[in-house]
Amino acid sequence: MSLLKTSSIPLMVLSVVSLGRGAIATPYPPEVVSRFTSECTTALEQQVPQMAQYGNAYCTCVINELQSSLTLAEFQAIGESVQTNIKPEVRQMLTQTAQTCLQRVSQ
């Protein structure tokens, strides 16, 4: 299975991962980055075992991308909505972020 064709990866992983509490113009607090990366890596290993080798690099890429495009409030709102009713534009942004990171770590 091609990693780039696993479009359900971002939503499966991000739906399990609590998106935590962060910030933007300034980097997210270290505990937010650490929590997200840890939970994301664990979720990835459990849900998509064939990606376990990319776990930390992938999750670090995702949190870095999210920090560069989301404010703390937006980040928190996504964390809450991922579990319930995620807007199509947010789903698209998360999917694009996941695909970007998959390409980066699997090259």
PDB file of N, CA and C in Angstrom:
ATOM      1  N   MET A   1       0.845  -1.177   0.000  1.00  0.00           N
ATOM      2  CA  MET A   1       0.000   0.000   0.000  1.00  0.00           C
ATOM      3  C   MET A   1       0.885   1.233   0.000  1.00  0.00           C
ATOM      4  N   SER A   2       0.619   2.138  -0.903  1.00  0.00           N
ATOM      5  CA  SER A   2       1.382   3.375  -0.961  1.00  0.00           C
ATOM      6  C   SER A   2       0.973   4.282   0.185  1.00  0.00           C
ATOM      7  N   LEU A   3       1.972   4.839   0.850  1.00  0.00           N
ATOM      8  CA  LEU A   3       1.685   5.740   1.966  1.00  0.00           C
ATOM      9  C   LEU A   3       0.925   6.971   1.502  1.00  0.00           C
ATOM     10  N   LEU A   4       1.194   7.406   0.288  1.00  0.00           N
ATOM     11  CA  LEU A   4       0.555   8.610  -0.208  1.00  0.00           C
ATOM     12  C   LEU A   4      -0.897   8.379  -0.607  1.00  0.00           C
ATOM     13  N   LYS A   5      -1.307   7.145  -0.732  1.00  0.00           N
ATOM     14  CA  LYS A   5      -2.686   6.849  -1.097  1.00  0.00           C
ATOM     15  C   LYS A   5      -3.538   6.544   0.115  1.00  0.00           C
ATOM     16  N   THR A   6      -3.001   6.663   1.281  1.00  0.00           N
ATOM     17  CA  THR A   6      -3.753   6.373   2.492  1.00  0.00           C
ATOM     18  C   THR A   6      -4.357   7.656   3.021  1.00  0.00           C
ATOM     19  N   SER A   7      -5.360   8.170   2.280  1.00  0.00           N
ATOM     20  CA  SER A   7      -5.943   9.456   2.634  1.00  0.00           C
ATOM     21  C   SER A   7      -6.684   9.424   3.954  1.00  0.00           C
ATOM     22  N   SER A   8      -7.007   8.248   4.454  1.00  0.00           N
ATOM     23  CA  SER A   8      -7.686   8.182   5.740  1.00  0.00           C
ATOM     24  C   SER A   8      -6.718   8.345   6.896  1.00  0.00           C
ATOM     25  N   ILE A   9      -5.427   8.267   6.655  1.00  0.00           N
ATOM     26  CA  ILE A   9      -4.437   8.383   7.726  1.00  0.00           C
ATOM     27  C   ILE A   9      -4.598   9.673   8.520  1.00  0.00           C
ATOM     28  N   PRO A  10      -4.672  10.834   7.869  1.00  0.00           N
ATOM     29  CA  PRO A  10      -4.714  12.039   8.679  1.00  0.00           C
ATOM     30  C   PRO A  10      -5.908  12.086   9.613  1.00  0.00           C
ATOM     31  N   LEU A  11      -7.047  11.685   9.122  1.00  0.00           N
ATOM     32  CA  LEU A  11      -8.238  11.779   9.942  1.00  0.00           C
ATOM     33  C   LEU A  11      -8.287  10.683  10.984  1.00  0.00           C
ATOM     34  N   MET A  12      -7.817   9.484  10.642  1.00  0.00           N
ATOM     35  CA  MET A  12      -7.775   8.428  11.649  1.00  0.00           C
ATOM     36  C   MET A  12      -6.858   8.829  12.786  1.00  0.00           C
ATOM     37  N   VAL A  13      -5.681   9.269  12.445  1.00  0.00           N
ATOM     38  CA  VAL A  13      -4.711   9.624  13.477  1.00  0.00           C
ATOM     39  C   VAL A  13      -5.163  10.864  14.223  1.00  0.00           C
ATOM     40  N   LEU A  14      -5.544  11.897  13.510  1.00  0.00           N
ATOM     41  CA  LEU A  14      -5.918  13.133  14.174  1.00  0.00           C
ATOM     42  C   LEU A  14      -7.210  13.003  14.954  1.00  0.00           C
ATOM     43  N   SER A  15      -8.076  12.070  14.580  1.00  0.00           N
ATOM     44  CA  SER A  15      -9.301  11.905  15.347  1.00  0.00           C
ATOM     45  C   SER A  15      -9.032  11.248  16.685  1.00  0.00           C
ATOM     46  N   VAL A  16      -7.979  10.466  16.782  1.00  0.00           N
ATOM     47  CA  VAL A  16      -7.619   9.835  18.046  1.00  0.00           C
ATOM     48  C   VAL A  16      -6.778  10.773  18.887  1.00  0.00           C
ATOM     49  N   VAL A  17      -5.997  11.585  18.215  1.00  0.00           N
ATOM     50  CA  VAL A  17      -5.081  12.477  18.919  1.00  0.00           C
ATOM     51  C   VAL A  17      -5.839  13.700  19.400  1.00  0.00           C
ATOM     52  N   SER A  18      -5.712  14.003  20.657  1.00  0.00           N
ATOM     53  CA  SER A  18      -6.235  15.265  21.164  1.00  0.00           C
ATOM     54  C   SER A  18      -5.287  16.327  20.659  1.00  0.00           C
ATOM     55  N   LEU A  19      -5.801  17.300  19.947  1.00  0.00           N
ATOM     56  CA  LEU A  19      -4.920  18.288  19.347  1.00  0.00           C
ATOM     57  C   LEU A  19      -4.299  19.233  20.366  1.00  0.00           C
ATOM     58  N   GLY A  20      -4.621  19.078  21.588  1.00  0.00           N
ATOM     59  CA  GLY A  20      -3.898  19.775  22.633  1.00  0.00           C
ATOM     60  C   GLY A  20      -4.182  21.261  22.734  1.00  0.00           C
ATOM     61  N   ARG A  21      -3.253  21.970  23.302  1.00  0.00           N
ATOM     62  CA  ARG A  21      -3.376  23.405  23.551  1.00  0.00           C
ATOM     63  C   ARG A  21      -2.109  24.075  23.045  1.00  0.00           C
ATOM     64  N   GLY A  22      -2.204  24.990  22.055  1.00  0.00           N
ATOM     65  CA  GLY A  22      -1.019  25.581  21.472  1.00  0.00           C
ATOM     66  C   GLY A  22      -1.141  27.063  21.175  1.00  0.00           C
ATOM     67  N   ALA A  23      -0.207  27.592  20.373  1.00  0.00           N
ATOM     68  CA  ALA A  23      -0.181  29.000  19.982  1.00  0.00           C
ATOM     69  C   ALA A  23       0.337  29.121  18.560  1.00  0.00           C
ATOM     70  N   ILE A  24       0.381  30.321  17.958  1.00  0.00           N
ATOM     71  CA  ILE A  24       0.928  30.382  16.587  1.00  0.00           C
ATOM     72  C   ILE A  24       2.011  31.396  16.342  1.00  0.00           C
ATOM     73  N   ALA A  25       1.726  32.649  16.214  1.00  0.00           N
ATOM     74  CA  ALA A  25       2.741  33.633  15.845  1.00  0.00           C
ATOM     75  C   ALA A  25       4.015  33.340  16.619  1.00  0.00           C
ATOM     76  N   THR A  26       3.838  32.872  17.769  1.00  0.00           N
ATOM     77  CA  THR A  26       4.930  32.315  18.566  1.00  0.00           C
ATOM     78  C   THR A  26       4.752  30.810  18.494  1.00  0.00           C
ATOM     79  N   PRO A  27       5.801  30.060  18.580  1.00  0.00           N
ATOM     80  CA  PRO A  27       5.639  28.600  18.536  1.00  0.00           C
ATOM     81  C   PRO A  27       4.729  28.110  19.665  1.00  0.00           C
ATOM     82  N   TYR A  28       4.108  26.969  19.415  1.00  0.00           N
ATOM     83  CA  TYR A  28       3.285  26.369  20.464  1.00  0.00           C
ATOM     84  C   TYR A  28       4.175  26.073  21.671  1.00  0.00           C
ATOM     85  N   PRO A  29       3.604  26.123  22.857  1.00  0.00           N
ATOM     86  CA  PRO A  29       4.386  25.776  24.056  1.00  0.00           C
ATOM     87  C   PRO A  29       4.980  24.374  23.920  1.00  0.00           C
ATOM     88  N   PRO A  30       6.169  24.166  24.453  1.00  0.00           N
ATOM     89  CA  PRO A  30       6.834  22.869  24.313  1.00  0.00           C
ATOM     90  C   PRO A  30       5.983  21.694  24.785  1.00  0.00           C
ATOM     91  N   GLU A  31       5.208  21.884  25.850  1.00  0.00           N
ATOM     92  CA  GLU A  31       4.378  20.774  26.331  1.00  0.00           C
ATOM     93  C   GLU A  31       3.273  20.414  25.337  1.00  0.00           C
ATOM     94  N   VAL A  32       2.800  21.386  24.569  1.00  0.00           N
ATOM     95  CA  VAL A  32       1.788  21.121  23.546  1.00  0.00           C
ATOM     96  C   VAL A  32       2.403  20.304  22.421  1.00  0.00           C
ATOM     97  N   VAL A  33       3.564  20.730  21.973  1.00  0.00           N
ATOM     98  CA  VAL A  33       4.263  20.028  20.896  1.00  0.00           C
ATOM     99  C   VAL A  33       4.589  18.602  21.335  1.00  0.00           C
ATOM    100  N   SER A  34       5.107  18.463  22.536  1.00  0.00           N
ATOM    101  CA  SER A  34       5.474  17.145  23.066  1.00  0.00           C
ATOM    102  C   SER A  34       4.253  16.237  23.187  1.00  0.00           C
ATOM    103  N   ARG A  35       3.181  16.768  23.732  1.00  0.00           N
ATOM    104  CA  ARG A  35       1.953  15.960  23.904  1.00  0.00           C
ATOM    105  C   ARG A  35       1.394  15.537  22.556  1.00  0.00           C
ATOM    106  N   PHE A  36       1.290  16.488  21.625  1.00  0.00           N
ATOM    107  CA  PHE A  36       0.766  16.167  20.308  1.00  0.00           C
ATOM    108  C   PHE A  36       1.623  15.105  19.631  1.00  0.00           C
ATOM    109  N   THR A  37       2.941  15.317  19.628  1.00  0.00           N
ATOM    110  CA  THR A  37       3.847  14.388  18.955  1.00  0.00           C
ATOM    111  C   THR A  37       3.762  13.001  19.567  1.00  0.00           C
ATOM    112  N   SER A  38       3.724  12.938  20.871  1.00  0.00           N
ATOM    113  CA  SER A  38       3.632  11.650  21.563  1.00  0.00           C
ATOM    114  C   SER A  38       2.316  10.931  21.251  1.00  0.00           C
ATOM    115  N   GLU A  39       1.200  11.644  21.369  1.00  0.00           N
ATOM    116  CA  GLU A  39      -0.107  11.031  21.110  1.00  0.00           C
ATOM    117  C   GLU A  39      -0.271  10.674  19.636  1.00  0.00           C
ATOM    118  N   CYS A  40       0.212  11.527  18.768  1.00  0.00           N
ATOM    119  CA  CYS A  40       0.135  11.270  17.329  1.00  0.00           C
ATOM    120  C   CYS A  40       0.953  10.036  16.961  1.00  0.00           C
ATOM    121  N   THR A  41       2.170   9.942  17.486  1.00  0.00           N
ATOM    122  CA  THR A  41       3.042   8.807  17.197  1.00  0.00           C
ATOM    123  C   THR A  41       2.410   7.506  17.677  1.00  0.00           C
ATOM    124  N   THR A  42       1.862   7.508  18.880  1.00  0.00           N
ATOM    125  CA  THR A  42       1.197   6.318  19.425  1.00  0.00           C
ATOM    126  C   THR A  42      -0.004   5.932  18.566  1.00  0.00           C
ATOM    127  N   ALA A  43      -0.819   6.907  18.213  1.00  0.00           N
ATOM    128  CA  ALA A  43      -1.998   6.633  17.384  1.00  0.00           C
ATOM    129  C   ALA A  43      -1.599   6.095  16.015  1.00  0.00           C
ATOM    130  N   LEU A  44      -0.572   6.668  15.434  1.00  0.00           N
ATOM    131  CA  LEU A  44      -0.097   6.222  14.127  1.00  0.00           C
ATOM    132  C   LEU A  44       0.384   4.775  14.196  1.00  0.00           C
ATOM    133  N   GLU A  45       1.157   4.456  15.219  1.00  0.00           N
ATOM    134  CA  GLU A  45       1.661   3.084  15.390  1.00  0.00           C
ATOM    135  C   GLU A  45       0.522   2.086  15.568  1.00  0.00           C
ATOM    136  N   GLN A  46      -0.518   2.477  16.283  1.00  0.00           N
ATOM    137  CA  GLN A  46      -1.645   1.580  16.532  1.00  0.00           C
ATOM    138  C   GLN A  46      -2.558   1.452  15.316  1.00  0.00           C
ATOM    139  N   GLN A  47      -2.816   2.564  14.647  1.00  0.00           N
ATOM    140  CA  GLN A  47      -3.786   2.572  13.556  1.00  0.00           C
ATOM    141  C   GLN A  47      -3.201   2.241  12.197  1.00  0.00           C
ATOM    142  N   VAL A  48      -1.947   2.578  11.993  1.00  0.00           N
ATOM    143  CA  VAL A  48      -1.298   2.374  10.698  1.00  0.00           C
ATOM    144  C   VAL A  48       0.102   1.810  10.957  1.00  0.00           C
ATOM    145  N   PRO A  49       0.183   0.544  11.379  1.00  0.00           N
ATOM    146  CA  PRO A  49       1.474  -0.039  11.772  1.00  0.00           C
ATOM    147  C   PRO A  49       2.565   0.087  10.708  1.00  0.00           C
ATOM    148  N   GLN A  50       2.198   0.049   9.446  1.00  0.00           N
ATOM    149  CA  GLN A  50       3.201   0.153   8.386  1.00  0.00           C
ATOM    150  C   GLN A  50       3.864   1.533   8.361  1.00  0.00           C
ATOM    151  N   MET A  51       3.315   2.496   9.104  1.00  0.00           N
ATOM    152  CA  MET A  51       3.917   3.828   9.173  1.00  0.00           C
ATOM    153  C   MET A  51       4.693   4.053  10.458  1.00  0.00           C
ATOM    154  N   ALA A  52       4.796   3.048  11.300  1.00  0.00           N
ATOM    155  CA  ALA A  52       5.461   3.199  12.600  1.00  0.00           C
ATOM    156  C   ALA A  52       6.866   3.780  12.459  1.00  0.00           C
ATOM    157  N   GLN A  53       7.590   3.363  11.425  1.00  0.00           N
ATOM    158  CA  GLN A  53       8.958   3.855  11.245  1.00  0.00           C
ATOM    159  C   GLN A  53       9.010   5.351  10.969  1.00  0.00           C
ATOM    160  N   TYR A  54       7.907   5.922  10.509  1.00  0.00           N
ATOM    161  CA  TYR A  54       7.859   7.351  10.204  1.00  0.00           C
ATOM    162  C   TYR A  54       7.210   8.167  11.319  1.00  0.00           C
ATOM    163  N   GLY A  55       6.721   7.503  12.350  1.00  0.00           N
ATOM    164  CA  GLY A  55       5.895   8.119  13.375  1.00  0.00           C
ATOM    165  C   GLY A  55       6.373   9.456  13.895  1.00  0.00           C
ATOM    166  N   ASN A  56       7.538   9.498  14.490  1.00  0.00           N
ATOM    167  CA  ASN A  56       8.000  10.739  15.096  1.00  0.00           C
ATOM    168  C   ASN A  56       8.232  11.821  14.050  1.00  0.00           C
ATOM    169  N   ALA A  57       8.852  11.472  12.949  1.00  0.00           N
ATOM    170  CA  ALA A  57       9.121  12.462  11.897  1.00  0.00           C
ATOM    171  C   ALA A  57       7.817  12.999  11.307  1.00  0.00           C
ATOM    172  N   TYR A  58       6.869  12.095  11.057  1.00  0.00           N
ATOM    173  CA  TYR A  58       5.577  12.502  10.503  1.00  0.00           C
ATOM    174  C   TYR A  58       4.846  13.430  11.473  1.00  0.00           C
ATOM    175  N   CYS A  59       4.754  13.025  12.726  1.00  0.00           N
ATOM    176  CA  CYS A  59       4.003  13.802  13.713  1.00  0.00           C
ATOM    177  C   CYS A  59       4.674  15.143  14.005  1.00  0.00           C
ATOM    178  N   THR A  60       5.998  15.172  13.985  1.00  0.00           N
ATOM    179  CA  THR A  60       6.710  16.431  14.156  1.00  0.00           C
ATOM    180  C   THR A  60       6.418  17.351  12.982  1.00  0.00           C
ATOM    181  N   CYS A  61       6.407  16.809  11.790  1.00  0.00           N
ATOM    182  CA  CYS A  61       6.080  17.590  10.606  1.00  0.00           C
ATOM    183  C   CYS A  61       4.666  18.162  10.717  1.00  0.00           C
ATOM    184  N   VAL A  62       3.713  17.331  11.113  1.00  0.00           N
ATOM    185  CA  VAL A  62       2.322  17.781  11.224  1.00  0.00           C
ATOM    186  C   VAL A  62       2.206  18.929  12.218  1.00  0.00           C
ATOM    187  N   ILE A  63       2.775  18.789  13.402  1.00  0.00           N
ATOM    188  CA  ILE A  63       2.646  19.859  14.402  1.00  0.00           C
ATOM    189  C   ILE A  63       3.352  21.117  13.929  1.00  0.00           C
ATOM    190  N   ASN A  64       4.469  20.981  13.240  1.00  0.00           N
ATOM    191  CA  ASN A  64       5.160  22.159  12.707  1.00  0.00           C
ATOM    192  C   ASN A  64       4.312  22.867  11.659  1.00  0.00           C
ATOM    193  N   GLU A  65       3.675  22.100  10.794  1.00  0.00           N
ATOM    194  CA  GLU A  65       2.795  22.683   9.772  1.00  0.00           C
ATOM    195  C   GLU A  65       1.601  23.374  10.423  1.00  0.00           C
ATOM    196  N   LEU A  66       1.006  22.723  11.417  1.00  0.00           N
ATOM    197  CA  LEU A  66      -0.142  23.319  12.090  1.00  0.00           C
ATOM    198  C   LEU A  66       0.250  24.616  12.793  1.00  0.00           C
ATOM    199  N   GLN A  67       1.426  24.630  13.420  1.00  0.00           N
ATOM    200  CA  GLN A  67       1.895  25.846  14.085  1.00  0.00           C
ATOM    201  C   GLN A  67       2.074  26.999  13.109  1.00  0.00           C
ATOM    202  N   SER A  68       2.471  26.675  11.898  1.00  0.00           N
ATOM    203  CA  SER A  68       2.727  27.737  10.922  1.00  0.00           C
ATOM    204  C   SER A  68       1.456  28.272  10.289  1.00  0.00           C
ATOM    205  N   SER A  69       0.328  27.585  10.505  1.00  0.00           N
ATOM    206  CA  SER A  69      -0.895  28.038   9.843  1.00  0.00           C
ATOM    207  C   SER A  69      -2.091  28.241  10.768  1.00  0.00           C
ATOM    208  N   LEU A  70      -1.986  27.875  12.032  1.00  0.00           N
ATOM    209  CA  LEU A  70      -3.123  27.996  12.938  1.00  0.00           C
ATOM    210  C   LEU A  70      -2.776  28.757  14.209  1.00  0.00           C
ATOM    211  N   THR A  71      -3.701  29.580  14.650  1.00  0.00           N
ATOM    212  CA  THR A  71      -3.561  30.217  15.951  1.00  0.00           C
ATOM    213  C   THR A  71      -3.892  29.185  17.025  1.00  0.00           C
ATOM    214  N   LEU A  72      -3.611  29.528  18.254  1.00  0.00           N
ATOM    215  CA  LEU A  72      -3.947  28.661  19.377  1.00  0.00           C
ATOM    216  C   LEU A  72      -5.439  28.364  19.397  1.00  0.00           C
ATOM    217  N   ALA A  73      -6.245  29.384  19.242  1.00  0.00           N
ATOM    218  CA  ALA A  73      -7.702  29.195  19.270  1.00  0.00           C
ATOM    219  C   ALA A  73      -8.159  28.271  18.141  1.00  0.00           C
ATOM    220  N   GLU A  74      -7.604  28.440  16.959  1.00  0.00           N
ATOM    221  CA  GLU A  74      -7.966  27.577  15.828  1.00  0.00           C
ATOM    222  C   GLU A  74      -7.539  26.131  16.089  1.00  0.00           C
ATOM    223  N   PHE A  75      -6.339  25.984  16.601  1.00  0.00           N
ATOM    224  CA  PHE A  75      -5.802  24.666  16.926  1.00  0.00           C
ATOM    225  C   PHE A  75      -6.707  23.960  17.933  1.00  0.00           C
ATOM    226  N   GLN A  76      -7.107  24.666  18.966  1.00  0.00           N
ATOM    227  CA  GLN A  76      -7.986  24.097  19.982  1.00  0.00           C
ATOM    228  C   GLN A  76      -9.362  23.766  19.406  1.00  0.00           C
ATOM    229  N   ALA A  77      -9.886  24.634  18.554  1.00  0.00           N
ATOM    230  CA  ALA A  77     -11.195  24.397  17.951  1.00  0.00           C
ATOM    231  C   ALA A  77     -11.174  23.146  17.077  1.00  0.00           C
ATOM    232  N   ILE A  78     -10.099  22.948  16.347  1.00  0.00           N
ATOM    233  CA  ILE A  78      -9.977  21.745  15.526  1.00  0.00           C
ATOM    234  C   ILE A  78      -9.903  20.524  16.427  1.00  0.00           C
ATOM    235  N   GLY A  79      -9.162  20.627  17.502  1.00  0.00           N
ATOM    236  CA  GLY A  79      -9.057  19.518  18.448  1.00  0.00           C
ATOM    237  C   GLY A  79     -10.410  19.093  18.975  1.00  0.00           C
ATOM    238  N   GLU A  80     -11.285  20.043  19.185  1.00  0.00           N
ATOM    239  CA  GLU A  80     -12.628  19.744  19.665  1.00  0.00           C
ATOM    240  C   GLU A  80     -13.510  19.224  18.539  1.00  0.00           C
ATOM    241  N   SER A  81     -13.396  19.787  17.343  1.00  0.00           N
ATOM    242  CA  SER A  81     -14.295  19.405  16.250  1.00  0.00           C
ATOM    243  C   SER A  81     -13.899  18.120  15.550  1.00  0.00           C
ATOM    244  N   VAL A  82     -12.635  17.700  15.655  1.00  0.00           N
ATOM    245  CA  VAL A  82     -12.202  16.462  14.996  1.00  0.00           C
ATOM    246  C   VAL A  82     -13.038  15.293  15.507  1.00  0.00           C
ATOM    247  N   GLN A  83     -13.378  15.329  16.767  1.00  0.00           N
ATOM    248  CA  GLN A  83     -14.148  14.240  17.356  1.00  0.00           C
ATOM    249  C   GLN A  83     -15.622  14.295  16.966  1.00  0.00           C
ATOM    250  N   THR A  84     -16.128  15.428  16.543  1.00  0.00           N
ATOM    251  CA  THR A  84     -17.553  15.567  16.282  1.00  0.00           C
ATOM    252  C   THR A  84     -17.843  15.933  14.845  1.00  0.00           C
ATOM    253  N   ASN A  85     -17.949  17.209  14.576  1.00  0.00           N
ATOM    254  CA  ASN A  85     -18.384  17.667  13.256  1.00  0.00           C
ATOM    255  C   ASN A  85     -17.333  18.587  12.655  1.00  0.00           C
ATOM    256  N   ILE A  86     -16.448  18.029  11.871  1.00  0.00           N
ATOM    257  CA  ILE A  86     -15.363  18.807  11.282  1.00  0.00           C
ATOM    258  C   ILE A  86     -15.836  19.440   9.969  1.00  0.00           C
ATOM    259  N   LYS A  87     -15.519  20.702   9.798  1.00  0.00           N
ATOM    260  CA  LYS A  87     -15.906  21.430   8.591  1.00  0.00           C
ATOM    261  C   LYS A  87     -15.100  20.919   7.398  1.00  0.00           C
ATOM    262  N   PRO A  88     -15.710  20.930   6.204  1.00  0.00           N
ATOM    263  CA  PRO A  88     -14.999  20.442   5.007  1.00  0.00           C
ATOM    264  C   PRO A  88     -13.677  21.149   4.751  1.00  0.00           C
ATOM    265  N   GLU A  89     -13.610  22.464   4.962  1.00  0.00           N
ATOM    266  CA  GLU A  89     -12.362  23.182   4.702  1.00  0.00           C
ATOM    267  C   GLU A  89     -11.279  22.802   5.714  1.00  0.00           C
ATOM    268  N   VAL A  90     -11.679  22.484   6.924  1.00  0.00           N
ATOM    269  CA  VAL A  90     -10.709  22.036   7.930  1.00  0.00           C
ATOM    270  C   VAL A  90     -10.237  20.631   7.581  1.00  0.00           C
ATOM    271  N   ARG A  91     -11.158  19.774   7.164  1.00  0.00           N
ATOM    272  CA  ARG A  91     -10.790  18.422   6.731  1.00  0.00           C
ATOM    273  C   ARG A  91      -9.792  18.500   5.577  1.00  0.00           C
ATOM    274  N   GLN A  92     -10.040  19.395   4.639  1.00  0.00           N
ATOM    275  CA  GLN A  92      -9.147  19.550   3.493  1.00  0.00           C
ATOM    276  C   GLN A  92      -7.763  20.033   3.947  1.00  0.00           C
ATOM    277  N   MET A  93      -7.717  20.989   4.871  1.00  0.00           N
ATOM    278  CA  MET A  93      -6.444  21.497   5.369  1.00  0.00           C
ATOM    279  C   MET A  93      -5.674  20.396   6.087  1.00  0.00           C
ATOM    280  N   LEU A  94      -6.355  19.609   6.917  1.00  0.00           N
ATOM    281  CA  LEU A  94      -5.695  18.521   7.633  1.00  0.00           C
ATOM    282  C   LEU A  94      -5.194  17.451   6.671  1.00  0.00           C
ATOM    283  N   THR A  95      -5.996  17.152   5.662  1.00  0.00           N
ATOM    284  CA  THR A  95      -5.601  16.163   4.669  1.00  0.00           C
ATOM    285  C   THR A  95      -4.371  16.643   3.900  1.00  0.00           C
ATOM    286  N   GLN A  96      -4.372  17.923   3.506  1.00  0.00           N
ATOM    287  CA  GLN A  96      -3.217  18.486   2.783  1.00  0.00           C
ATOM    288  C   GLN A  96      -1.975  18.458   3.656  1.00  0.00           C
ATOM    289  N   THR A  97      -2.133  18.813   4.932  1.00  0.00           N
ATOM    290  CA  THR A  97      -1.005  18.788   5.865  1.00  0.00           C
ATOM    291  C   THR A  97      -0.459  17.372   5.982  1.00  0.00           C
ATOM    292  N   ALA A  98      -1.356  16.411   6.139  1.00  0.00           N
ATOM    293  CA  ALA A  98      -0.933  15.016   6.267  1.00  0.00           C
ATOM    294  C   ALA A  98      -0.218  14.539   5.002  1.00  0.00           C
ATOM    295  N   GLN A  99      -0.754  14.879   3.845  1.00  0.00           N
ATOM    296  CA  GLN A  99      -0.126  14.452   2.594  1.00  0.00           C
ATOM    297  C   GLN A  99       1.256  15.091   2.419  1.00  0.00           C
ATOM    298  N   THR A 100       1.351  16.363   2.759  1.00  0.00           N
ATOM    299  CA  THR A 100       2.651  17.044   2.692  1.00  0.00           C
ATOM    300  C   THR A 100       3.675  16.339   3.567  1.00  0.00           C
ATOM    301  N   CYS A 101       3.269  16.027   4.792  1.00  0.00           N
ATOM    302  CA  CYS A 101       4.190  15.379   5.720  1.00  0.00           C
ATOM    303  C   CYS A 101       4.514  13.952   5.299  1.00  0.00           C
ATOM    304  N   LEU A 102       3.537  13.238   4.756  1.00  0.00           N
ATOM    305  CA  LEU A 102       3.801  11.888   4.252  1.00  0.00           C
ATOM    306  C   LEU A 102       4.841  11.914   3.145  1.00  0.00           C
ATOM    307  N   GLN A 103       4.705  12.887   2.255  1.00  0.00           N
ATOM    308  CA  GLN A 103       5.687  13.018   1.174  1.00  0.00           C
ATOM    309  C   GLN A 103       7.072  13.314   1.719  1.00  0.00           C
ATOM    310  N   ARG A 104       7.139  14.205   2.681  1.00  0.00           N
ATOM    311  CA  ARG A 104       8.436  14.576   3.261  1.00  0.00           C
ATOM    312  C   ARG A 104       9.126  13.401   3.944  1.00  0.00           C
ATOM    313  N   VAL A 105       8.389  12.670   4.759  1.00  0.00           N
ATOM    314  CA  VAL A 105       9.040  11.617   5.556  1.00  0.00           C
ATOM    315  C   VAL A 105       9.249  10.338   4.778  1.00  0.00           C
ATOM    316  N   SER A 106       8.528  10.130   3.694  1.00  0.00           N
ATOM    317  CA  SER A 106       8.661   8.855   2.981  1.00  0.00           C
ATOM    318  C   SER A 106       9.592   8.949   1.777  1.00  0.00           C
ATOM    319  N   GLN A 107      10.228  10.088   1.578  1.00  0.00           N
ATOM    320  CA  GLN A 107      11.165  10.248   0.453  1.00  0.00           C
ATOM    321  C   GLN A 107      12.503   9.637   0.776  1.00  0.00           C
TER     322      GLN A 107
END
